[in-house]
C-alpha atoms as a PDB file:
ATOM      1  CA  UNK A   1      25.502  13.760  20.456  1.00  0.00           C
ATOM      2  CA  UNK A   2      24.935  12.691  16.891  1.00  0.00           C
ATOM      3  CA  UNK A   3      24.772  15.170  14.006  1.00  0.00           C
ATOM      4  CA  UNK A   4      22.943  12.746  11.745  1.00  0.00           C
ATOM      5  CA  UNK A   5      19.490  13.822  10.699  1.00  0.00           C
ATOM      6  CA  UNK A   6      16.665  11.344  10.749  1.00  0.00           C
ATOM      7  CA  UNK A   7      15.554  10.213   7.295  1.00  0.00           C
ATOM      8  CA  UNK A   8      12.659  12.229   6.006  1.00  0.00           C
ATOM      9  CA  UNK A   9       9.731  10.275   4.696  1.00  0.00           C
ATOM     10  CA  UNK A  10       8.950  10.854   1.048  1.00  0.00           C
ATOM     11  CA  UNK A  11       5.924  13.016   0.517  1.00  0.00           C
ATOM     12  CA  UNK A  12       3.195  11.323  -1.539  1.00  0.00           C
ATOM     13  CA  UNK A  13       3.275  14.338  -3.867  1.00  0.00           C
ATOM     14  CA  UNK A  14       6.987  13.848  -4.506  1.00  0.00           C
ATOM     15  CA  UNK A  15       6.820  10.176  -5.356  1.00  0.00           C
ATOM     16  CA  UNK A  16       7.082   9.658  -9.067  1.00  0.00           C
ATOM     17  CA  UNK A  17       5.711   6.615 -10.738  1.00  0.00           C
ATOM     18  CA  UNK A  18       8.029   4.825 -13.096  1.00  0.00           C
ATOM     19  CA  UNK A  19       6.838   4.239 -16.657  1.00  0.00           C
ATOM     20  CA  UNK A  20       9.268   1.736 -18.196  1.00  0.00           C
ATOM     21  CA  UNK A  21       7.232   1.371 -21.398  1.00  0.00           C
ATOM     22  CA  UNK A  22       7.350   5.132 -22.081  1.00  0.00           C
ATOM     23  CA  UNK A  23      10.217   7.006 -23.683  1.00  0.00           C
ATOM     24  CA  UNK A  24      10.552  10.292 -25.532  1.00  0.00           C
ATOM     25  CA  UNK A  25      11.284  10.892 -29.195  1.00  0.00           C
ATOM     26  CA  UNK A  26      12.060  14.250 -30.769  1.00  0.00           C
ATOM     27  CA  UNK A  27       9.724  15.052 -33.635  1.00  0.00           C
ATOM     28  CA  UNK A  28      10.444  17.149 -36.728  1.00  0.00           C
ATOM     29  CA  UNK A  29       9.896  20.340 -34.720  1.00  0.00           C
ATOM     30  CA  UNK A  30      12.395  19.179 -32.097  1.00  0.00           C
ATOM     31  CA  UNK A  31       9.731  18.773 -29.415  1.00  0.00           C
ATOM     32  CA  UNK A  32      10.090  15.677 -27.226  1.00  0.00           C
ATOM     33  CA  UNK A  33       7.021  13.468 -27.582  1.00  0.00           C
ATOM     34  CA  UNK A  34       6.189  10.592 -25.217  1.00  0.00           C
ATOM     35  CA  UNK A  35       5.850   7.293 -27.077  1.00  0.00           C
ATOM     36  CA  UNK A  36       5.443   3.642 -26.196  1.00  0.00           C
ATOM     37  CA  UNK A  37       8.977   2.237 -26.166  1.00  0.00           C
ATOM     38  CA  UNK A  38       9.788   0.152 -29.242  1.00  0.00           C
ATOM     39  CA  UNK A  39       6.599   1.044 -31.114  1.00  0.00           C
ATOM     40  CA  UNK A  40       6.743   4.679 -32.192  1.00  0.00           C
ATOM     41  CA  UNK A  41       3.097   5.028 -31.090  1.00  0.00           C
ATOM     42  CA  UNK A  42       2.527   8.304 -29.283  1.00  0.00           C
ATOM     43  CA  UNK A  43       0.864   8.330 -25.886  1.00  0.00           C
ATOM     44  CA  UNK A  44      -1.510  10.986 -27.206  1.00  0.00           C
ATOM     45  CA  UNK A  45      -2.676   8.542 -29.908  1.00  0.00           C
ATOM     46  CA  UNK A  46      -3.699   6.062 -27.212  1.00  0.00           C
ATOM     47  CA  UNK A  47      -5.404   8.828 -25.221  1.00  0.00           C
ATOM     48  CA  UNK A  48      -7.382  10.079 -28.226  1.00  0.00           C
ATOM     49  CA  UNK A  49      -8.455   6.527 -29.076  1.00  0.00           C
ATOM     50  CA  UNK A  50      -9.622   6.001 -25.502  1.00  0.00           C
ATOM     51  CA  UNK A  51     -11.278   9.357 -24.820  1.00  0.00           C
ATOM     52  CA  UNK A  52     -12.515  10.654 -28.143  1.00  0.00           C
ATOM     53  CA  UNK A  53     -13.152   7.430 -30.027  1.00  0.00           C
ATOM     54  CA  UNK A  54     -14.310   5.659 -26.841  1.00  0.00           C
ATOM     55  CA  UNK A  55     -12.180   2.580 -27.494  1.00  0.00           C
ATOM     56  CA  UNK A  56     -11.475   0.228 -24.606  1.00  0.00           C
ATOM     57  CA  UNK A  57      -7.882  -0.641 -23.717  1.00  0.00           C
ATOM     58  CA  UNK A  58      -8.472  -4.099 -25.240  1.00  0.00           C
ATOM     59  CA  UNK A  59      -9.668  -2.547 -28.525  1.00  0.00           C
ATOM     60  CA  UNK A  60      -6.710  -0.154 -28.623  1.00  0.00           C
ATOM     61  CA  UNK A  61      -4.299  -3.012 -27.946  1.00  0.00           C
ATOM     62  CA  UNK A  62      -5.791  -5.066 -30.779  1.00  0.00           C
ATOM     63  CA  UNK A  63      -5.934  -2.200 -33.300  1.00  0.00           C
ATOM     64  CA  UNK A  64      -2.386  -0.974 -32.627  1.00  0.00           C
ATOM     65  CA  UNK A  65      -0.818  -4.400 -31.964  1.00  0.00           C
ATOM     66  CA  UNK A  66       0.039  -3.529 -28.367  1.00  0.00           C
ATOM     67  CA  UNK A  67      -0.375  -5.414 -25.122  1.00  0.00           C
ATOM     68  CA  UNK A  68      -3.093  -4.246 -22.772  1.00  0.00           C
ATOM     69  CA  UNK A  69      -0.314  -3.553 -20.255  1.00  0.00           C
ATOM     70  CA  UNK A  70       1.253  -1.070 -22.712  1.00  0.00           C
ATOM     71  CA  UNK A  71      -2.106   0.645 -23.220  1.00  0.00           C
ATOM     72  CA  UNK A  72      -2.722   0.759 -19.462  1.00  0.00           C
ATOM     73  CA  UNK A  73       0.726   2.280 -18.908  1.00  0.00           C
ATOM     74  CA  UNK A  74       0.134   4.910 -21.613  1.00  0.00           C
ATOM     75  CA  UNK A  75      -3.155   5.873 -19.939  1.00  0.00           C
ATOM     76  CA  UNK A  76      -1.480   5.958 -16.512  1.00  0.00           C
ATOM     77  CA  UNK A  77       1.274   8.142 -17.974  1.00  0.00           C
ATOM     78  CA  UNK A  78      -1.441  10.449 -19.293  1.00  0.00           C
ATOM     79  CA  UNK A  79      -2.974  10.663 -15.800  1.00  0.00           C
ATOM     80  CA  UNK A  80       0.423  11.683 -14.416  1.00  0.00           C
ATOM     81  CA  UNK A  81       1.223  14.126 -17.269  1.00  0.00           C
ATOM     82  CA  UNK A  82      -2.229  15.292 -18.331  1.00  0.00           C
ATOM     83  CA  UNK A  83      -1.309  18.949 -18.879  1.00  0.00           C
ATOM     84  CA  UNK A  84       1.581  18.038 -21.192  1.00  0.00           C
ATOM     85  CA  UNK A  85      -0.434  15.519 -23.249  1.00  0.00           C
ATOM     86  CA  UNK A  86      -3.537  17.729 -23.467  1.00  0.00           C
ATOM     87  CA  UNK A  87      -1.373  20.610 -24.746  1.00  0.00           C
ATOM     88  CA  UNK A  88       0.090  18.357 -27.448  1.00  0.00           C
ATOM     89  CA  UNK A  89      -3.367  17.172 -28.482  1.00  0.00           C
ATOM     90  CA  UNK A  90      -4.690  20.766 -28.615  1.00  0.00           C
ATOM     91  CA  UNK A  91      -1.690  21.951 -30.656  1.00  0.00           C
ATOM     92  CA  UNK A  92      -2.155  19.148 -33.163  1.00  0.00           C
ATOM     93  CA  UNK A  93      -5.880  19.862 -33.474  1.00  0.00           C
ATOM     94  CA  UNK A  94      -5.153  23.563 -34.066  1.00  0.00           C
ATOM     95  CA  UNK A  95      -2.621  22.690 -36.748  1.00  0.00           C
ATOM     96  CA  UNK A  96      -5.109  20.321 -38.432  1.00  0.00           C
ATOM     97  CA  UNK A  97      -7.810  23.001 -38.374  1.00  0.00           C
ATOM     98  CA  UNK A  98      -5.458  25.556 -39.920  1.00  0.00           C
ATOM     99  CA  UNK A  99      -4.484  23.110 -42.651  1.00  0.00           C
ATOM    100  CA  UNK A 100      -8.146  22.278 -43.331  1.00  0.00           C
ATOM    101  CA  UNK A 101      -9.018  25.999 -43.693  1.00  0.00           C
ATOM    102  CA  UNK A 102      -6.008  26.611 -45.934  1.00  0.00           C
ATOM    103  CA  UNK A 103      -6.746  23.579 -48.111  1.00  0.00           C
ATOM    104  CA  UNK A 104     -10.394  24.597 -48.470  1.00  0.00           C
ATOM    105  CA  UNK A 105      -9.580  28.222 -49.366  1.00  0.00           C
ATOM    106  CA  UNK A 106     -10.697  29.356 -52.843  1.00  0.00           C
ATOM    107  CA  UNK A 107      -7.998  29.192 -55.455  1.00  0.00           C
ATOM    108  CA  UNK A 108      -6.328  26.142 -54.014  1.00  0.00           C
END
């Protein structure tokens, strides 16, 4: 009688996609930020360009001197880490709004 267990099949929910073009960089606040490897361009920059500015992957690639494959990987990374990226985008927008109110305050 063998004590070996049969190999369990990986659950589709547990499979993680690999993103070789994505790495993390620590910003001034010490928070790790996902960027496109070798470029310094944040994934959230690509997402904002695609969603808010309605740029196509080809337009983003041309404007930021990236390959379309890099843009596609950044958008796929966003799909896999949407909560994290959306939180970073919201935090940056809140900070920009605070700065805009402060800069526009009388006496400044």
